[in-house]
Amino acid sequence: MQNFPEITTPRLILNQPVESDRENLLLYLNETPEFAENTLTMPFPYTDESADFWFKLAKEGFENRDGFIFAIREKSTKKLIGGIGLHLTPQHKKAEVGYWLAKPFWNKGYVTEALAAVLKFGFEEVNLNKIYATYYAHNPASGKVMEKCGMKNEALLKDEYLKNGKFLDVNRFCILHSDFF
């Protein structure tokens, strides 16, 4: 794969984040601390340095072939409304998927649509055997998205992460190539 892939769905375009996404990235991720509360590494407030790091991670992940970070865009406007990424462990043919979506676009099925497309990409184009994701117990909506895409609860990981001085449990969901097709 020489060029960063572009995935289209009925309502979305998933492609490489670009510098012109910065304004929406900062706007949406500073709208509410919920993104930081529901993800492991997303800071609040979300600064220009945070955006620089995300753009660099997306570029280097593709160059190093150990990650694909996609901008989620509405097809009608082509504007950034979220992000979704596959973080690869190539030697084991698996990847972790993570995602976020701007609050004005919640409850419209966009993340489910994006996740289904990225799972298909991971199995068909990257030749993965397993894709997994985790979510904090206080964010069950993320688990519902995973279930809608065929992912199954694999484990409850007790005190898995230390965040803001508290140990948090996470639910881990996964889907295997053989279960996807």
C-alpha atoms as a PDB file:
ATOM      1  CA  MET A   1       0.000   0.000   0.000  1.00  0.00           C
ATOM      2  CA  GLN A   2       1.769   3.135  -1.217  1.00  0.00           C
ATOM      3  CA  ASN A   3      -0.882   5.736  -0.483  1.00  0.00           C
ATOM      4  CA  PHE A   4      -2.942   6.148   2.645  1.00  0.00           C
ATOM      5  CA  PRO A   5      -6.210   4.281   2.085  1.00  0.00           C
ATOM      6  CA  GLU A   6      -9.584   5.961   1.750  1.00  0.00           C
ATOM      7  CA  ILE A   7     -12.693   4.083   2.824  1.00  0.00           C
ATOM      8  CA  THR A   8     -16.167   5.218   1.837  1.00  0.00           C
ATOM      9  CA  THR A   9     -19.432   4.161   3.409  1.00  0.00           C
ATOM     10  CA  PRO A  10     -22.956   5.324   2.603  1.00  0.00           C
ATOM     11  CA  ARG A  11     -22.550   8.484   4.739  1.00  0.00           C
ATOM     12  CA  LEU A  12     -18.855   8.740   5.571  1.00  0.00           C
ATOM     13  CA  ILE A  13     -15.366   9.090   4.186  1.00  0.00           C
ATOM     14  CA  LEU A  14     -12.514   7.681   6.271  1.00  0.00           C
ATOM     15  CA  ASN A  15      -9.126   8.976   5.193  1.00  0.00           C
ATOM     16  CA  GLN A  16      -5.860  10.463   6.385  1.00  0.00           C
ATOM     17  CA  PRO A  17      -6.059  13.355   8.845  1.00  0.00           C
ATOM     18  CA  VAL A  18      -4.676  16.577   7.357  1.00  0.00           C
ATOM     19  CA  GLU A  19      -3.596  19.916   8.786  1.00  0.00           C
ATOM     20  CA  SER A  20      -6.822  21.589   7.647  1.00  0.00           C
ATOM     21  CA  ASP A  21      -8.664  19.322  10.138  1.00  0.00           C
ATOM     22  CA  ARG A  22      -7.029  21.141  13.064  1.00  0.00           C
ATOM     23  CA  GLU A  23      -9.824  23.687  13.575  1.00  0.00           C
ATOM     24  CA  ASN A  24     -12.558  21.037  13.890  1.00  0.00           C
ATOM     25  CA  LEU A  25     -10.300  18.749  15.927  1.00  0.00           C
ATOM     26  CA  LEU A  26      -9.681  21.477  18.517  1.00  0.00           C
ATOM     27  CA  LEU A  27     -13.295  22.656  18.451  1.00  0.00           C
ATOM     28  CA  TYR A  28     -14.845  19.243  19.027  1.00  0.00           C
ATOM     29  CA  LEU A  29     -12.335  17.820  21.502  1.00  0.00           C
ATOM     30  CA  ASN A  30     -12.521  20.944  23.666  1.00  0.00           C
ATOM     31  CA  GLU A  31     -16.317  20.956  23.705  1.00  0.00           C
ATOM     32  CA  THR A  32     -16.544  18.578  26.651  1.00  0.00           C
ATOM     33  CA  PRO A  33     -14.198  16.641  28.962  1.00  0.00           C
ATOM     34  CA  GLU A  34     -16.150  13.438  28.141  1.00  0.00           C
ATOM     35  CA  PHE A  35     -13.617  12.451  25.467  1.00  0.00           C
ATOM     36  CA  ALA A  36     -10.787  12.525  27.985  1.00  0.00           C
ATOM     37  CA  GLU A  37     -12.934  10.678  30.527  1.00  0.00           C
ATOM     38  CA  ASN A  38     -13.785   7.895  28.062  1.00  0.00           C
ATOM     39  CA  THR A  39     -10.395   7.364  26.416  1.00  0.00           C
ATOM     40  CA  LEU A  40      -7.054   6.341  27.837  1.00  0.00           C
ATOM     41  CA  THR A  41      -4.765   8.972  26.318  1.00  0.00           C
ATOM     42  CA  MET A  42      -6.882  11.882  25.068  1.00  0.00           C
ATOM     43  CA  PRO A  43      -6.161  15.012  27.120  1.00  0.00           C
ATOM     44  CA  PHE A  44      -8.483  17.804  28.149  1.00  0.00           C
ATOM     45  CA  PRO A  45      -8.077  20.543  27.276  1.00  0.00           C
ATOM     46  CA  TYR A  46      -7.024  19.419  23.809  1.00  0.00           C
ATOM     47  CA  THR A  47      -4.202  21.712  22.698  1.00  0.00           C
ATOM     48  CA  ASP A  48      -2.358  22.479  19.478  1.00  0.00           C
ATOM     49  CA  GLU A  49       0.413  20.203  20.782  1.00  0.00           C
ATOM     50  CA  SER A  50      -2.144  17.406  21.222  1.00  0.00           C
ATOM     51  CA  ALA A  51      -3.264  17.905  17.618  1.00  0.00           C
ATOM     52  CA  ASP A  52       0.369  17.905  16.429  1.00  0.00           C
ATOM     53  CA  PHE A  53       0.884  14.592  18.216  1.00  0.00           C
ATOM     54  CA  TRP A  54      -2.243  13.063  16.586  1.00  0.00           C
ATOM     55  CA  PHE A  55      -1.184  14.172  13.092  1.00  0.00           C
ATOM     56  CA  LYS A  56       2.327  12.809  13.694  1.00  0.00           C
ATOM     57  CA  LEU A  57       0.959   9.503  15.051  1.00  0.00           C
ATOM     58  CA  ALA A  58      -1.242   9.114  11.968  1.00  0.00           C
ATOM     59  CA  LYS A  59       1.624   9.860   9.564  1.00  0.00           C
ATOM     60  CA  GLU A  60       4.222   7.700  11.311  1.00  0.00           C
ATOM     61  CA  GLY A  61       1.812   4.811  11.909  1.00  0.00           C
ATOM     62  CA  PHE A  62       1.209   4.539   8.178  1.00  0.00           C
ATOM     63  CA  GLU A  63       4.893   5.005   7.285  1.00  0.00           C
ATOM     64  CA  ASN A  64       5.948   2.347   9.822  1.00  0.00           C
ATOM     65  CA  ARG A  65       3.053   0.049   8.875  1.00  0.00           C
ATOM     66  CA  ASP A  66       1.983  -0.308  12.493  1.00  0.00           C
ATOM     67  CA  GLY A  67      -1.128   1.831  12.454  1.00  0.00           C
ATOM     68  CA  PHE A  68      -3.901   3.381  10.446  1.00  0.00           C
ATOM     69  CA  ILE A  69      -5.499   6.470  11.960  1.00  0.00           C
ATOM     70  CA  PHE A  70      -8.432   7.679   9.916  1.00  0.00           C
ATOM     71  CA  ALA A  71     -10.293  10.962  10.033  1.00  0.00           C
ATOM     72  CA  ILE A  72     -14.043  10.339  10.067  1.00  0.00           C
ATOM     73  CA  ARG A  73     -15.758  12.765   7.697  1.00  0.00           C
ATOM     74  CA  GLU A  74     -19.343  13.339   6.736  1.00  0.00           C
ATOM     75  CA  LYS A  75     -19.590  12.655   3.014  1.00  0.00           C
ATOM     76  CA  SER A  76     -21.809  15.683   2.449  1.00  0.00           C
ATOM     77  CA  THR A  77     -19.391  18.256   3.963  1.00  0.00           C
ATOM     78  CA  LYS A  78     -16.034  16.399   3.925  1.00  0.00           C
ATOM     79  CA  LYS A  79     -15.344  17.962   7.343  1.00  0.00           C
ATOM     80  CA  LEU A  80     -13.724  16.068  10.206  1.00  0.00           C
ATOM     81  CA  ILE A  81     -16.263  14.830  12.754  1.00  0.00           C
ATOM     82  CA  GLY A  82     -14.207  12.130  14.494  1.00  0.00           C
ATOM     83  CA  GLY A  83     -11.354   9.674  14.341  1.00  0.00           C
ATOM     84  CA  ILE A  84     -10.878   5.923  14.279  1.00  0.00           C
ATOM     85  CA  GLY A  85      -7.641   3.969  14.360  1.00  0.00           C
ATOM     86  CA  LEU A  86      -6.217   0.492  14.046  1.00  0.00           C
ATOM     87  CA  HIS A  87      -3.065   0.053  16.129  1.00  0.00           C
ATOM     88  CA  LEU A  88      -1.319  -3.057  14.849  1.00  0.00           C
ATOM     89  CA  THR A  89       0.650  -5.833  16.469  1.00  0.00           C
ATOM     90  CA  PRO A  90       1.832  -7.308  13.151  1.00  0.00           C
ATOM     91  CA  GLN A  91       3.690 -10.314  14.553  1.00  0.00           C
ATOM     92  CA  HIS A  92       0.404 -11.569  16.025  1.00  0.00           C
ATOM     93  CA  LYS A  93      -1.834 -10.433  13.140  1.00  0.00           C
ATOM     94  CA  LYS A  94      -4.010  -8.419  15.490  1.00  0.00           C
ATOM     95  CA  ALA A  95      -4.902  -4.794  16.148  1.00  0.00           C
ATOM     96  CA  GLU A  96      -6.614  -2.642  18.729  1.00  0.00           C
ATOM     97  CA  VAL A  97      -9.271  -0.285  17.424  1.00  0.00           C
ATOM     98  CA  GLY A  98     -10.193   2.992  19.083  1.00  0.00           C
ATOM     99  CA  TYR A  99     -12.510   5.795  18.076  1.00  0.00           C
ATOM    100  CA  TRP A 100     -14.111   9.100  19.004  1.00  0.00           C
ATOM    101  CA  LEU A 101     -16.914  11.117  17.448  1.00  0.00           C
ATOM    102  CA  ALA A 102     -17.829  14.777  17.959  1.00  0.00           C
ATOM    103  CA  LYS A 103     -20.797  15.187  20.285  1.00  0.00           C
ATOM    104  CA  PRO A 104     -23.119  16.854  17.722  1.00  0.00           C
ATOM    105  CA  PHE A 105     -22.943  13.621  15.689  1.00  0.00           C
ATOM    106  CA  TRP A 106     -23.701  11.140  18.485  1.00  0.00           C
ATOM    107  CA  ASN A 107     -26.673   8.762  18.229  1.00  0.00           C
ATOM    108  CA  LYS A 108     -26.780   8.813  14.436  1.00  0.00           C
ATOM    109  CA  GLY A 109     -25.020   5.504  13.806  1.00  0.00           C
ATOM    110  CA  TYR A 110     -21.848   7.130  12.458  1.00  0.00           C
ATOM    111  CA  VAL A 111     -19.420   5.303  14.761  1.00  0.00           C
ATOM    112  CA  THR A 112     -21.083   1.965  14.027  1.00  0.00           C
ATOM    113  CA  GLU A 113     -20.768   2.679  10.303  1.00  0.00           C
ATOM    114  CA  ALA A 114     -17.113   3.709  10.655  1.00  0.00           C
ATOM    115  CA  LEU A 115     -16.223   0.755  12.886  1.00  0.00           C
ATOM    116  CA  ALA A 116     -17.818  -1.778  10.531  1.00  0.00           C
ATOM    117  CA  ALA A 117     -15.823  -0.302   7.636  1.00  0.00           C
ATOM    118  CA  VAL A 118     -12.539  -0.356   9.576  1.00  0.00           C
ATOM    119  CA  LEU A 119     -13.098  -3.959  10.698  1.00  0.00           C
ATOM    120  CA  LYS A 120     -13.639  -4.966   7.059  1.00  0.00           C
ATOM    121  CA  PHE A 121     -10.502  -3.041   6.055  1.00  0.00           C
ATOM    122  CA  GLY A 122      -8.469  -4.683   8.825  1.00  0.00           C
ATOM    123  CA  PHE A 123      -9.488  -8.187   7.817  1.00  0.00           C
ATOM    124  CA  GLU A 124      -9.468  -7.763   4.034  1.00  0.00           C
ATOM    125  CA  GLU A 125      -6.639  -5.294   3.406  1.00  0.00           C
ATOM    126  CA  VAL A 126      -4.330  -5.704   6.402  1.00  0.00           C
ATOM    127  CA  ASN A 127      -4.964  -9.457   6.724  1.00  0.00           C
ATOM    128  CA  LEU A 128      -5.554  -9.391  10.467  1.00  0.00           C
ATOM    129  CA  ASN A 129      -6.820 -12.380  12.417  1.00  0.00           C
ATOM    130  CA  LYS A 130      -8.148 -10.469  15.442  1.00  0.00           C
ATOM    131  CA  ILE A 131      -9.333  -6.946  16.186  1.00  0.00           C
ATOM    132  CA  TYR A 132     -10.094  -5.923  19.757  1.00  0.00           C
ATOM    133  CA  ALA A 133     -11.198  -2.842  21.670  1.00  0.00           C
ATOM    134  CA  THR A 134     -11.771  -1.835  25.262  1.00  0.00           C
ATOM    135  CA  TYR A 135     -14.150   0.543  26.936  1.00  0.00           C
ATOM    136  CA  TYR A 136     -14.536   1.816  30.467  1.00  0.00           C
ATOM    137  CA  ALA A 137     -17.466   0.443  32.428  1.00  0.00           C
ATOM    138  CA  HIS A 138     -18.838   3.997  32.748  1.00  0.00           C
ATOM    139  CA  ASN A 139     -19.163   4.237  28.920  1.00  0.00           C
ATOM    140  CA  PRO A 140     -21.517   1.381  27.933  1.00  0.00           C
ATOM    141  CA  ALA A 141     -22.539   3.164  24.701  1.00  0.00           C
ATOM    142  CA  SER A 142     -19.124   2.267  23.267  1.00  0.00           C
ATOM    143  CA  GLY A 143     -19.767  -1.399  24.031  1.00  0.00           C
ATOM    144  CA  LYS A 144     -23.109  -1.219  22.213  1.00  0.00           C
ATOM    145  CA  VAL A 145     -21.306   0.049  19.100  1.00  0.00           C
ATOM    146  CA  MET A 146     -18.895  -2.892  19.301  1.00  0.00           C
ATOM    147  CA  GLU A 147     -21.762  -5.370  19.702  1.00  0.00           C
ATOM    148  CA  LYS A 148     -23.607  -3.931  16.696  1.00  0.00           C
ATOM    149  CA  CYS A 149     -20.492  -4.638  14.624  1.00  0.00           C
ATOM    150  CA  GLY A 150     -20.292  -8.275  15.733  1.00  0.00           C
ATOM    151  CA  MET A 151     -17.632  -7.886  18.400  1.00  0.00           C
ATOM    152  CA  LYS A 152     -18.073 -10.099  21.460  1.00  0.00           C
ATOM    153  CA  ASN A 153     -17.179  -9.521  25.090  1.00  0.00           C
ATOM    154  CA  GLU A 154     -13.896 -11.289  25.678  1.00  0.00           C
ATOM    155  CA  ALA A 155     -13.073 -10.229  29.238  1.00  0.00           C
ATOM    156  CA  LEU A 156     -13.557  -7.815  32.078  1.00  0.00           C
ATOM    157  CA  LEU A 157     -10.089  -6.531  32.922  1.00  0.00           C
ATOM    158  CA  LYS A 158     -10.092  -5.455  36.582  1.00  0.00           C
ATOM    159  CA  ASP A 159      -8.096  -2.346  37.579  1.00  0.00           C
ATOM    160  CA  GLU A 160      -6.545  -2.378  34.098  1.00  0.00           C
ATOM    161  CA  TYR A 161      -5.643   1.307  33.872  1.00  0.00           C
ATOM    162  CA  LEU A 162      -4.636   3.969  36.357  1.00  0.00           C
ATOM    163  CA  LYS A 163      -6.306   7.184  35.262  1.00  0.00           C
ATOM    164  CA  ASN A 164      -6.526  10.383  37.262  1.00  0.00           C
ATOM    165  CA  GLY A 165      -5.409   8.563  40.389  1.00  0.00           C
ATOM    166  CA  LYS A 166      -8.045   5.801  40.146  1.00  0.00           C
ATOM    167  CA  PHE A 167      -7.812   2.256  38.865  1.00  0.00           C
ATOM    168  CA  LEU A 168     -10.456   1.558  36.235  1.00  0.00           C
ATOM    169  CA  ASP A 169     -11.970  -1.647  34.924  1.00  0.00           C
ATOM    170  CA  VAL A 170     -12.390  -2.090  31.185  1.00  0.00           C
ATOM    171  CA  ASN A 171     -14.437  -4.459  29.110  1.00  0.00           C
ATOM    172  CA  ARG A 172     -12.521  -5.987  26.238  1.00  0.00           C
ATOM    173  CA  PHE A 173     -14.395  -6.946  23.088  1.00  0.00           C
ATOM    174  CA  CYS A 174     -12.995  -8.673  20.022  1.00  0.00           C
ATOM    175  CA  ILE A 175     -13.843 -10.155  16.684  1.00  0.00           C
ATOM    176  CA  LEU A 176     -11.911 -12.793  14.764  1.00  0.00           C
ATOM    177  CA  HIS A 177     -11.502 -12.938  11.012  1.00  0.00           C
ATOM    178  CA  SER A 178     -13.387 -16.230  10.966  1.00  0.00           C
ATOM    179  CA  ASP A 179     -16.338 -14.632  12.799  1.00  0.00           C
ATOM    180  CA  PHE A 180     -16.467 -11.585  10.545  1.00  0.00           C
ATOM    181  CA  PHE A 181     -17.002 -13.409   7.261  1.00  0.00           C
END
